[in-house]
Amino acid sequence: MDDIQALLRKNLELTEENNRLLHKMRRGAIWGGIMKLLWLAVIIGVPVYLYFTFLAPIMEQVLGAAQSAQEVGIKVQGIQDQIKSGDVEGILNFFKQQQ
């Protein structure tokens, strides 16, 4: 009879220890999932924030400068065409409009 009660007590101790370990594992898995989501939010959020804060205004300025350079190039091309065709009056009118 003593042997059976000793085995039952040992079984109870092992079961309780197993239960504690399982609870720790579950808690660790939950915290790991939360940390993974936070890390993913940081990995995605920081570059998006930096883009909209710093890079987007700079890109808008660069694109505006490129567009104005393209417009100047088109005007210069028009002047070159007028020079090639010998249209001196058109060239003079162009420079009068610029002033």
Protein backbone atom coordinates (compact mmCIF):
# COMPACT_ATOMS: atom_id res chain seq x y z
CA MET A 1 0.00 0.00 0.00
CA ASP A 2 2.86 2.36 0.82
CA ASP A 3 4.41 1.73 -2.54
CA ILE A 4 1.22 2.67 -4.35
CA GLN A 5 0.83 5.92 -2.39
CA ALA A 6 4.50 6.80 -3.03
CA LEU A 7 4.00 6.18 -6.72
CA LEU A 8 0.83 8.27 -6.71
CA ARG A 9 2.61 11.15 -4.92
CA LYS A 10 5.53 10.97 -7.36
CA ASN A 11 3.06 10.91 -10.25
CA LEU A 12 1.27 13.95 -8.79
CA GLU A 13 4.57 15.84 -8.39
CA LEU A 14 5.60 15.08 -11.96
CA THR A 15 2.19 16.11 -13.28
CA GLU A 16 2.32 19.42 -11.40
CA GLU A 17 5.86 20.09 -12.64
CA ASN A 18 4.78 19.24 -16.18
CA ASN A 19 1.82 21.61 -15.85
CA ARG A 20 4.13 24.44 -14.67
CA LEU A 21 6.47 23.84 -17.60
CA LEU A 22 3.61 23.83 -20.08
CA HIS A 23 2.29 27.13 -18.70
CA LYS A 24 5.77 28.67 -19.03
CA MET A 25 6.04 27.42 -22.61
CA ARG A 26 2.62 28.83 -23.51
CA ARG A 27 3.46 32.18 -21.92
CA GLY A 28 6.76 32.25 -23.81
CA ALA A 29 5.03 31.48 -27.09
CA ILE A 30 2.51 34.28 -26.54
CA TRP A 31 5.23 36.81 -25.70
CA GLY A 32 7.29 35.60 -28.66
CA GLY A 33 4.36 36.17 -31.01
CA ILE A 34 3.76 39.65 -29.61
CA MET A 35 7.45 40.54 -29.96
CA LYS A 36 7.49 39.20 -33.51
CA LEU A 37 4.55 41.45 -34.42
CA LEU A 38 6.20 44.47 -32.79
CA TRP A 39 9.47 43.76 -34.59
CA LEU A 40 7.63 43.42 -37.90
CA ALA A 41 5.85 46.73 -37.26
CA VAL A 42 9.20 48.41 -36.62
CA ILE A 43 10.80 46.84 -39.70
CA ILE A 44 7.98 48.07 -41.93
CA GLY A 45 7.03 51.27 -40.09
CA VAL A 46 10.42 52.96 -39.78
CA PRO A 47 11.26 52.96 -43.52
CA VAL A 48 7.74 54.15 -44.41
CA TYR A 49 7.99 56.97 -41.84
CA LEU A 50 11.44 57.99 -43.07
CA TYR A 51 10.26 57.97 -46.69
CA PHE A 52 7.29 60.23 -46.06
CA THR A 53 9.22 62.51 -43.69
CA PHE A 54 12.51 62.96 -45.51
CA LEU A 55 12.68 61.36 -48.94
CA ALA A 56 9.32 62.38 -50.43
CA PRO A 57 9.89 66.17 -50.15
CA ILE A 58 13.39 65.83 -51.60
CA MET A 59 12.07 63.73 -54.49
CA GLU A 60 9.38 66.34 -55.19
CA GLN A 61 12.06 69.05 -55.40
CA VAL A 62 14.23 66.92 -57.68
CA LEU A 63 11.30 66.13 -59.97
CA GLY A 64 10.34 69.83 -60.07
CA ALA A 65 13.90 70.79 -61.01
CA ALA A 66 14.00 68.11 -63.70
CA GLN A 67 10.69 69.30 -65.12
CA SER A 68 11.84 72.93 -65.25
CA ALA A 69 15.09 71.81 -66.92
CA GLN A 70 13.04 69.92 -69.48
CA GLU A 71 10.95 73.04 -70.17
CA VAL A 72 14.12 75.09 -70.69
CA GLY A 73 15.41 72.40 -73.04
CA ILE A 74 12.21 72.60 -75.08
CA LYS A 75 12.57 76.40 -75.33
CA VAL A 76 16.20 76.08 -76.40
CA GLN A 77 15.21 73.50 -79.00
CA GLY A 78 12.62 75.97 -80.34
CA ILE A 79 15.27 78.70 -80.60
CA GLN A 80 17.64 76.32 -82.40
CA ASP A 81 14.91 75.44 -84.88
CA GLN A 82 14.26 79.13 -85.53
CA ILE A 83 17.98 79.78 -86.02
CA LYS A 84 18.25 76.90 -88.48
CA SER A 85 15.27 78.17 -90.43
CA GLY A 86 16.64 81.73 -90.44
CA ASP A 87 13.62 83.18 -88.62
CA VAL A 88 15.40 86.15 -87.00
CA GLU A 89 12.10 87.94 -86.34
CA GLY A 90 10.79 84.93 -84.37
CA ILE A 91 13.95 84.84 -82.28
CA LEU A 92 13.67 88.55 -81.49
CA ASN A 93 10.01 88.09 -80.50
CA PHE A 94 10.96 85.22 -78.23
CA PHE A 95 13.54 87.33 -76.38
CA LYS A 96 11.10 90.24 -76.10
CA GLN A 97 8.57 87.92 -74.47
CA GLN A 98 11.16 86.75 -71.93
CA GLN A 99 11.70 90.26 -70.57
